[in-house]
Amino acid sequence: MTAPVIMPAASPPLIELVGVRRVYGEGDSEVRALDGVDLVIQRGEFVMVMGSSGSGKSTCMNLLGCLDTPSGGSYRFLGVDVGGLDRDALALLRRHYLGFVFQSFNLLPRTSAMENVELPLVYRGMGARKRHAAAAHALDLVGLANRADHTPAQLSGGQQQRVAIARALVTEPMVLFADEPTGNLDSETTHDVMRLLQTLNRDRGITIVMVTHEPELTHYASRIVTFRDGRVLSDVPGEGGR
């Protein structure tokens, strides 16, 4: 099965949410995690999503990453109605257009950095030689070309997160979703990772959507979207704009 063919109209937004709702439970136990969210993200933006616990930011990230589906409203990716895609097409959309980085590095402990980065390409069925070259390039992008043979136990926390970022980049995604990617890192390593993400955004044009609860990181982003009670409370430019 090949990737879903996305043939957008003239320059639609990369991501567009219109009146999106996500409701869990019914009756007295109903929770409106998202309650009518409108959001547009253009190519090349670095959007930081903030909000307190329960504000809806993580639910929004899951919907954007096609890990969950809305209860109402619409989500369009490059003009394509994501709600109209079946399960297989959604999986292919995630595999070919989206990259993910999480707070937990989720690396295979007994395999090398190179092998961890190659994993998404294994699922694509890419041949070993091309897969190895692509993974080596991704590791070079994150400054770990000389750590390709190291296992996670031989790497620092910051280096492990760089491997996780390389793994997300190896498929050349249009957008990178980062959910609390610095949550397990010390302050110095946190800023190293943030500078890397900012460089990838500015120099390689990768759209980044990042959830964080750390306000001191907002100066890296070109835009800051804050959630409260399932709605967008504010949407303002960040200091990291080009």
C-alpha atoms as a PDB file:
ATOM      1  CA  MET A   1       0.000   0.000   0.000  1.00  0.00           C
ATOM      2  CA  THR A   2       1.359   3.433  -0.899  1.00  0.00           C
ATOM      3  CA  ALA A   3       1.051   6.739   0.922  1.00  0.00           C
ATOM      4  CA  PRO A   4      -2.213   8.651   0.574  1.00  0.00           C
ATOM      5  CA  VAL A   5      -2.019  11.035  -2.363  1.00  0.00           C
ATOM      6  CA  ILE A   6      -2.356  14.597  -1.150  1.00  0.00           C
ATOM      7  CA  MET A   7      -3.018  16.999  -4.009  1.00  0.00           C
ATOM      8  CA  PRO A   8      -3.971  20.261  -2.346  1.00  0.00           C
ATOM      9  CA  ALA A   9      -5.702  23.206  -3.874  1.00  0.00           C
ATOM     10  CA  ALA A  10      -3.710  26.419  -4.222  1.00  0.00           C
ATOM     11  CA  SER A  11      -1.680  26.776  -1.026  1.00  0.00           C
ATOM     12  CA  PRO A  12      -4.118  25.626   1.669  1.00  0.00           C
ATOM     13  CA  PRO A  13      -2.893  25.724   5.266  1.00  0.00           C
ATOM     14  CA  LEU A  14      -0.768  22.789   6.357  1.00  0.00           C
ATOM     15  CA  ILE A  15      -3.166  22.197   9.245  1.00  0.00           C
ATOM     16  CA  GLU A  16      -6.662  23.589   9.768  1.00  0.00           C
ATOM     17  CA  LEU A  17      -9.035  22.851  12.632  1.00  0.00           C
ATOM     18  CA  VAL A  18     -12.561  24.267  12.428  1.00  0.00           C
ATOM     19  CA  GLY A  19     -14.914  23.986  15.406  1.00  0.00           C
ATOM     20  CA  VAL A  20     -13.186  20.846  16.652  1.00  0.00           C
ATOM     21  CA  ARG A  21     -14.671  19.148  19.704  1.00  0.00           C
ATOM     22  CA  ARG A  22     -13.486  16.102  21.617  1.00  0.00           C
ATOM     23  CA  VAL A  23     -15.881  14.730  24.205  1.00  0.00           C
ATOM     24  CA  TYR A  24     -15.226  11.787  26.508  1.00  0.00           C
ATOM     25  CA  GLY A  25     -17.978  10.017  28.433  1.00  0.00           C
ATOM     26  CA  GLU A  26     -21.686  10.793  28.571  1.00  0.00           C
ATOM     27  CA  GLY A  27     -24.177  12.453  30.878  1.00  0.00           C
ATOM     28  CA  ASP A  28     -22.798  13.439  34.273  1.00  0.00           C
ATOM     29  CA  SER A  29     -19.413  11.940  33.419  1.00  0.00           C
ATOM     30  CA  GLU A  30     -19.036  13.886  30.158  1.00  0.00           C
ATOM     31  CA  VAL A  31     -15.735  15.723  29.734  1.00  0.00           C
ATOM     32  CA  ARG A  32     -15.267  18.275  26.962  1.00  0.00           C
ATOM     33  CA  ALA A  33     -11.535  18.016  26.388  1.00  0.00           C
ATOM     34  CA  LEU A  34     -11.838  20.269  23.329  1.00  0.00           C
ATOM     35  CA  ASP A  35     -14.794  22.603  22.939  1.00  0.00           C
ATOM     36  CA  GLY A  36     -14.891  24.294  19.542  1.00  0.00           C
ATOM     37  CA  VAL A  37     -11.247  24.820  18.603  1.00  0.00           C
ATOM     38  CA  ASP A  38     -10.303  26.818  15.519  1.00  0.00           C
ATOM     39  CA  LEU A  39      -6.606  26.652  14.617  1.00  0.00           C
ATOM     40  CA  VAL A  40      -4.568  27.205  11.456  1.00  0.00           C
ATOM     41  CA  ILE A  41      -0.888  26.252  11.144  1.00  0.00           C
ATOM     42  CA  GLN A  42       1.093  27.184   8.058  1.00  0.00           C
ATOM     43  CA  ARG A  43       4.155  25.439   6.650  1.00  0.00           C
ATOM     44  CA  GLY A  44       7.423  26.435   8.304  1.00  0.00           C
ATOM     45  CA  GLU A  45       5.961  27.635  11.588  1.00  0.00           C
ATOM     46  CA  PHE A  46       7.310  26.700  15.020  1.00  0.00           C
ATOM     47  CA  VAL A  47       4.173  26.608  17.152  1.00  0.00           C
ATOM     48  CA  MET A  48       4.416  26.117  20.900  1.00  0.00           C
ATOM     49  CA  VAL A  49       1.222  24.853  22.554  1.00  0.00           C
ATOM     50  CA  MET A  50       0.812  25.672  26.224  1.00  0.00           C
ATOM     51  CA  GLY A  51      -1.739  25.354  28.994  1.00  0.00           C
ATOM     52  CA  SER A  52      -2.262  23.853  32.417  1.00  0.00           C
ATOM     53  CA  SER A  53      -3.048  20.184  32.995  1.00  0.00           C
ATOM     54  CA  GLY A  54      -6.491  19.427  31.581  1.00  0.00           C
ATOM     55  CA  SER A  55      -6.520  22.490  29.320  1.00  0.00           C
ATOM     56  CA  GLY A  56      -6.833  20.424  26.140  1.00  0.00           C
ATOM     57  CA  LYS A  57      -3.352  20.898  24.726  1.00  0.00           C
ATOM     58  CA  SER A  58      -2.397  17.214  24.732  1.00  0.00           C
ATOM     59  CA  THR A  59      -5.785  16.208  23.334  1.00  0.00           C
ATOM     60  CA  CYS A  60      -5.269  18.691  20.513  1.00  0.00           C
ATOM     61  CA  MET A  61      -1.812  17.276  19.831  1.00  0.00           C
ATOM     62  CA  ASN A  62      -3.232  13.742  19.638  1.00  0.00           C
ATOM     63  CA  LEU A  63      -5.851  14.876  17.131  1.00  0.00           C
ATOM     64  CA  LEU A  64      -3.300  16.725  15.002  1.00  0.00           C
ATOM     65  CA  GLY A  65      -1.089  13.653  14.977  1.00  0.00           C
ATOM     66  CA  CYS A  66      -4.023  11.446  13.906  1.00  0.00           C
ATOM     67  CA  LEU A  67      -3.689   9.450  17.134  1.00  0.00           C
ATOM     68  CA  ASP A  68      -7.287  10.326  18.045  1.00  0.00           C
ATOM     69  CA  THR A  69     -10.380  11.524  16.202  1.00  0.00           C
ATOM     70  CA  PRO A  70     -12.608  14.535  16.962  1.00  0.00           C
ATOM     71  CA  SER A  71     -16.176  14.211  18.189  1.00  0.00           C
ATOM     72  CA  GLY A  72     -17.191  17.123  15.970  1.00  0.00           C
ATOM     73  CA  GLY A  73     -15.803  19.797  13.679  1.00  0.00           C
ATOM     74  CA  SER A  74     -13.242  19.215  10.934  1.00  0.00           C
ATOM     75  CA  TYR A  75      -9.501  18.649  10.612  1.00  0.00           C
ATOM     76  CA  ARG A  76      -7.877  19.287   7.260  1.00  0.00           C
ATOM     77  CA  PHE A  77      -4.259  18.465   6.387  1.00  0.00           C
ATOM     78  CA  LEU A  78      -3.117  20.309   3.254  1.00  0.00           C
ATOM     79  CA  GLY A  79      -6.751  20.724   2.365  1.00  0.00           C
ATOM     80  CA  VAL A  80      -7.611  17.032   2.744  1.00  0.00           C
ATOM     81  CA  ASP A  81     -10.393  16.148   5.187  1.00  0.00           C
ATOM     82  CA  VAL A  82      -8.658  13.839   7.662  1.00  0.00           C
ATOM     83  CA  GLY A  83     -12.040  12.737   8.980  1.00  0.00           C
ATOM     84  CA  GLY A  84     -12.768  11.170   5.604  1.00  0.00           C
ATOM     85  CA  LEU A  85      -9.733   8.882   5.683  1.00  0.00           C
ATOM     86  CA  ASP A  86     -10.060   5.251   6.727  1.00  0.00           C
ATOM     87  CA  ARG A  87      -7.831   3.569   9.306  1.00  0.00           C
ATOM     88  CA  ASP A  88      -5.218   2.426   6.790  1.00  0.00           C
ATOM     89  CA  ALA A  89      -5.006   5.854   5.167  1.00  0.00           C
ATOM     90  CA  LEU A  90      -4.580   7.499   8.580  1.00  0.00           C
ATOM     91  CA  ALA A  91      -1.721   5.132   9.376  1.00  0.00           C
ATOM     92  CA  LEU A  92      -0.067   5.989   6.082  1.00  0.00           C
ATOM     93  CA  LEU A  93      -0.558   9.707   6.711  1.00  0.00           C
ATOM     94  CA  ARG A  94       1.228   9.367  10.036  1.00  0.00           C
ATOM     95  CA  ARG A  95       3.991   7.256   8.526  1.00  0.00           C
ATOM     96  CA  HIS A  96       4.745   9.436   5.509  1.00  0.00           C
ATOM     97  CA  TYR A  97       3.924  13.003   6.544  1.00  0.00           C
ATOM     98  CA  LEU A  98       4.210  13.225  10.334  1.00  0.00           C
ATOM     99  CA  GLY A  99       7.052  12.789  12.807  1.00  0.00           C
ATOM    100  CA  PHE A 100       6.762  12.365  16.570  1.00  0.00           C
ATOM    101  CA  VAL A 101       9.030  13.069  19.526  1.00  0.00           C
ATOM    102  CA  PHE A 102       7.906  12.357  23.090  1.00  0.00           C
ATOM    103  CA  GLN A 103       9.050  13.078  26.634  1.00  0.00           C
ATOM    104  CA  SER A 104      10.129   9.435  26.978  1.00  0.00           C
ATOM    105  CA  PHE A 105      12.728   8.710  24.340  1.00  0.00           C
ATOM    106  CA  ASN A 106      11.164   5.309  23.468  1.00  0.00           C
ATOM    107  CA  LEU A 107      14.429   3.902  22.126  1.00  0.00           C
ATOM    108  CA  LEU A 108      15.054   0.178  21.853  1.00  0.00           C
ATOM    109  CA  PRO A 109      17.575  -0.414  24.644  1.00  0.00           C
ATOM    110  CA  ARG A 110      19.722  -3.144  23.094  1.00  0.00           C
ATOM    111  CA  THR A 111      20.097  -1.651  19.641  1.00  0.00           C
ATOM    112  CA  SER A 112      22.429   1.052  18.397  1.00  0.00           C
ATOM    113  CA  ALA A 113      21.508   4.640  17.657  1.00  0.00           C
ATOM    114  CA  MET A 114      21.740   3.801  13.957  1.00  0.00           C
ATOM    115  CA  GLU A 115      19.357   0.864  14.278  1.00  0.00           C
ATOM    116  CA  ASN A 116      16.883   2.916  16.314  1.00  0.00           C
ATOM    117  CA  VAL A 117      16.834   5.627  13.653  1.00  0.00           C
ATOM    118  CA  GLU A 118      16.448   3.082  10.860  1.00  0.00           C
ATOM    119  CA  LEU A 119      13.351   1.509  12.420  1.00  0.00           C
ATOM    120  CA  PRO A 120      10.678   3.664  10.676  1.00  0.00           C
ATOM    121  CA  LEU A 121      12.320   2.853   7.339  1.00  0.00           C
ATOM    122  CA  VAL A 122      12.172  -0.861   8.110  1.00  0.00           C
ATOM    123  CA  TYR A 123       8.393  -0.473   8.387  1.00  0.00           C
ATOM    124  CA  ARG A 124       8.424   1.213   4.996  1.00  0.00           C
ATOM    125  CA  GLY A 125      10.229  -1.746   3.482  1.00  0.00           C
ATOM    126  CA  MET A 126      13.262   0.297   2.441  1.00  0.00           C
ATOM    127  CA  GLY A 127      16.369  -1.654   1.448  1.00  0.00           C
ATOM    128  CA  ALA A 128      19.246  -1.914   3.914  1.00  0.00           C
ATOM    129  CA  ARG A 129      21.708   0.259   2.003  1.00  0.00           C
ATOM    130  CA  LYS A 130      19.323   3.179   1.470  1.00  0.00           C
ATOM    131  CA  ARG A 131      18.014   2.809   5.007  1.00  0.00           C
ATOM    132  CA  HIS A 132      21.502   2.972   6.478  1.00  0.00           C
ATOM    133  CA  ALA A 133      22.416   6.049   4.417  1.00  0.00           C
ATOM    134  CA  ALA A 134      19.224   7.873   5.421  1.00  0.00           C
ATOM    135  CA  ALA A 135      19.745   7.076   9.107  1.00  0.00           C
ATOM    136  CA  ALA A 136      23.377   8.197   8.965  1.00  0.00           C
ATOM    137  CA  HIS A 137      22.251  11.509   7.439  1.00  0.00           C
ATOM    138  CA  ALA A 138      19.591  12.004  10.124  1.00  0.00           C
ATOM    139  CA  LEU A 139      22.120  11.336  12.891  1.00  0.00           C
ATOM    140  CA  ASP A 140      24.476  13.823  11.279  1.00  0.00           C
ATOM    141  CA  LEU A 141      21.701  16.448  11.280  1.00  0.00           C
ATOM    142  CA  VAL A 142      21.363  16.124  15.063  1.00  0.00           C
ATOM    143  CA  GLY A 143      25.115  16.085  15.667  1.00  0.00           C
ATOM    144  CA  LEU A 144      25.480  12.401  16.523  1.00  0.00           C
ATOM    145  CA  ALA A 145      27.272  10.964  13.495  1.00  0.00           C
ATOM    146  CA  ASN A 146      30.057   9.789  15.801  1.00  0.00           C
ATOM    147  CA  ARG A 147      27.629   7.993  18.143  1.00  0.00           C
ATOM    148  CA  ALA A 148      25.897   5.808  15.555  1.00  0.00           C
ATOM    149  CA  ASP A 149      27.120   2.546  17.098  1.00  0.00           C
ATOM    150  CA  HIS A 150      26.286   3.472  20.700  1.00  0.00           C
ATOM    151  CA  THR A 151      23.324   1.940  22.520  1.00  0.00           C
ATOM    152  CA  PRO A 152      20.997   4.178  24.581  1.00  0.00           C
ATOM    153  CA  ALA A 153      22.765   3.132  27.795  1.00  0.00           C
ATOM    154  CA  GLN A 154      25.973   4.606  26.363  1.00  0.00           C
ATOM    155  CA  LEU A 155      24.341   7.958  25.623  1.00  0.00           C
ATOM    156  CA  SER A 156      23.352  10.878  27.833  1.00  0.00           C
ATOM    157  CA  GLY A 157      19.711  11.920  28.153  1.00  0.00           C
ATOM    158  CA  GLY A 158      20.206  14.744  25.700  1.00  0.00           C
ATOM    159  CA  GLN A 159      21.890  12.448  23.208  1.00  0.00           C
ATOM    160  CA  GLN A 160      19.064   9.929  23.531  1.00  0.00           C
ATOM    161  CA  GLN A 161      16.541  12.661  22.745  1.00  0.00           C
ATOM    162  CA  ARG A 162      18.633  13.655  19.724  1.00  0.00           C
ATOM    163  CA  VAL A 163      18.469  10.053  18.527  1.00  0.00           C
ATOM    164  CA  ALA A 164      14.687  10.181  18.989  1.00  0.00           C
ATOM    165  CA  ILE A 165      14.574  13.398  16.944  1.00  0.00           C
ATOM    166  CA  ALA A 166      16.726  11.799  14.230  1.00  0.00           C
ATOM    167  CA  ARG A 167      14.332   8.844  14.164  1.00  0.00           C
ATOM    168  CA  ALA A 168      11.442  11.281  13.623  1.00  0.00           C
ATOM    169  CA  LEU A 169      13.344  13.131  10.889  1.00  0.00           C
ATOM    170  CA  VAL A 170      14.525  10.104   8.923  1.00  0.00           C
ATOM    171  CA  THR A 171      11.190   9.826   7.115  1.00  0.00           C
ATOM    172  CA  GLU A 172      11.434  13.506   6.068  1.00  0.00           C
ATOM    173  CA  PRO A 173       8.083  14.501   7.607  1.00  0.00           C
ATOM    174  CA  MET A 174       6.257  17.690   6.735  1.00  0.00           C
ATOM    175  CA  VAL A 175       5.547  18.370  10.394  1.00  0.00           C
ATOM    176  CA  LEU A 176       7.242  17.283  13.613  1.00  0.00           C
ATOM    177  CA  PHE A 177       5.026  16.919  16.694  1.00  0.00           C
ATOM    178  CA  ALA A 178       6.970  17.174  19.958  1.00  0.00           C
ATOM    179  CA  ASP A 179       5.111  16.386  23.190  1.00  0.00           C
ATOM    180  CA  GLU A 180       7.078  17.664  26.213  1.00  0.00           C
ATOM    181  CA  PRO A 181      10.372  16.682  24.515  1.00  0.00           C
ATOM    182  CA  THR A 182      12.484  18.292  27.256  1.00  0.00           C
ATOM    183  CA  GLY A 183      10.476  17.028  30.230  1.00  0.00           C
ATOM    184  CA  ASN A 184      13.155  14.495  31.277  1.00  0.00           C
ATOM    185  CA  LEU A 185      16.169  16.731  30.648  1.00  0.00           C
ATOM    186  CA  ASP A 186      18.206  19.108  32.800  1.00  0.00           C
ATOM    187  CA  SER A 187      18.134  22.813  31.986  1.00  0.00           C
ATOM    188  CA  GLU A 188      21.351  22.929  29.969  1.00  0.00           C
ATOM    189  CA  THR A 189      20.405  19.901  27.881  1.00  0.00           C
ATOM    190  CA  THR A 190      16.905  21.299  27.474  1.00  0.00           C
ATOM    191  CA  HIS A 191      18.246  24.404  25.767  1.00  0.00           C
ATOM    192  CA  ASP A 192      20.568  22.295  23.599  1.00  0.00           C
ATOM    193  CA  VAL A 193      17.569  20.319  22.337  1.00  0.00           C
ATOM    194  CA  MET A 194      15.512  23.485  21.845  1.00  0.00           C
ATOM    195  CA  ARG A 195      18.284  25.096  19.820  1.00  0.00           C
ATOM    196  CA  LEU A 196      18.408  21.972  17.671  1.00  0.00           C
ATOM    197  CA  LEU A 197      14.657  22.105  17.041  1.00  0.00           C
ATOM    198  CA  GLN A 198      14.872  25.796  16.217  1.00  0.00           C
ATOM    199  CA  THR A 199      17.704  25.137  13.745  1.00  0.00           C
ATOM    200  CA  LEU A 200      15.765  22.347  12.063  1.00  0.00           C
ATOM    201  CA  ASN A 201      12.817  24.709  11.749  1.00  0.00           C
ATOM    202  CA  ARG A 202      14.764  27.682  10.435  1.00  0.00           C
ATOM    203  CA  ASP A 203      17.335  25.975   8.234  1.00  0.00           C
ATOM    204  CA  ARG A 204      15.376  22.992   6.933  1.00  0.00           C
ATOM    205  CA  GLY A 205      11.867  24.451   6.972  1.00  0.00           C
ATOM    206  CA  ILE A 206      10.411  21.672   9.122  1.00  0.00           C
ATOM    207  CA  THR A 207       7.115  22.703  10.702  1.00  0.00           C
ATOM    208  CA  ILE A 208       7.222  22.034  14.445  1.00  0.00           C
ATOM    209  CA  VAL A 209       4.276  21.829  16.825  1.00  0.00           C
ATOM    210  CA  MET A 210       5.475  21.412  20.402  1.00  0.00           C
ATOM    211  CA  VAL A 211       3.544  20.956  23.644  1.00  0.00           C
ATOM    212  CA  THR A 212       5.263  22.219  26.781  1.00  0.00           C
ATOM    213  CA  HIS A 213       4.451  23.490  30.260  1.00  0.00           C
ATOM    214  CA  GLU A 214       7.733  25.414  30.503  1.00  0.00           C
ATOM    215  CA  PRO A 215       7.140  29.140  29.774  1.00  0.00           C
ATOM    216  CA  GLU A 216      10.884  29.837  29.687  1.00  0.00           C
ATOM    217  CA  LEU A 217      11.061  27.959  26.370  1.00  0.00           C
ATOM    218  CA  THR A 218       8.565  30.108  24.498  1.00  0.00           C
ATOM    219  CA  HIS A 219      11.243  32.402  23.046  1.00  0.00           C
ATOM    220  CA  TYR A 220      12.302  29.575  20.718  1.00  0.00           C
ATOM    221  CA  ALA A 221       8.912  29.509  18.961  1.00  0.00           C
ATOM    222  CA  SER A 222       7.533  31.724  16.221  1.00  0.00           C
ATOM    223  CA  ARG A 223       4.050  31.427  17.684  1.00  0.00           C
ATOM    224  CA  ILE A 224       2.508  30.569  21.053  1.00  0.00           C
ATOM    225  CA  VAL A 225      -0.966  29.047  21.363  1.00  0.00           C
ATOM    226  CA  THR A 226      -2.374  28.765  24.883  1.00  0.00           C
ATOM    227  CA  PHE A 227      -5.289  26.504  25.799  1.00  0.00           C
ATOM    228  CA  ARG A 228      -7.705  26.787  28.700  1.00  0.00           C
ATOM    229  CA  ASP A 229     -10.774  24.643  29.394  1.00  0.00           C
ATOM    230  CA  GLY A 230     -10.669  23.031  25.969  1.00  0.00           C
ATOM    231  CA  ARG A 231     -10.501  26.281  24.030  1.00  0.00           C
ATOM    232  CA  VAL A 232      -7.803  28.506  22.560  1.00  0.00           C
ATOM    233  CA  LEU A 233      -7.256  31.253  25.118  1.00  0.00           C
ATOM    234  CA  SER A 234      -4.604  33.165  23.158  1.00  0.00           C
ATOM    235  CA  ASP A 235      -2.628  32.888  19.942  1.00  0.00           C
ATOM    236  CA  VAL A 236       0.317  35.298  19.769  1.00  0.00           C
ATOM    237  CA  PRO A 237       3.637  35.666  17.921  1.00  0.00           C
ATOM    238  CA  GLY A 238       6.719  34.314  19.665  1.00  0.00           C
ATOM    239  CA  GLU A 239      10.213  35.750  19.889  1.00  0.00           C
ATOM    240  CA  GLY A 240      11.573  32.979  17.674  1.00  0.00           C
ATOM    241  CA  GLY A 241       9.858  34.271  14.543  1.00  0.00           C
ATOM    242  CA  ARG A 242      12.042  34.583  11.498  1.00  0.00           C
END
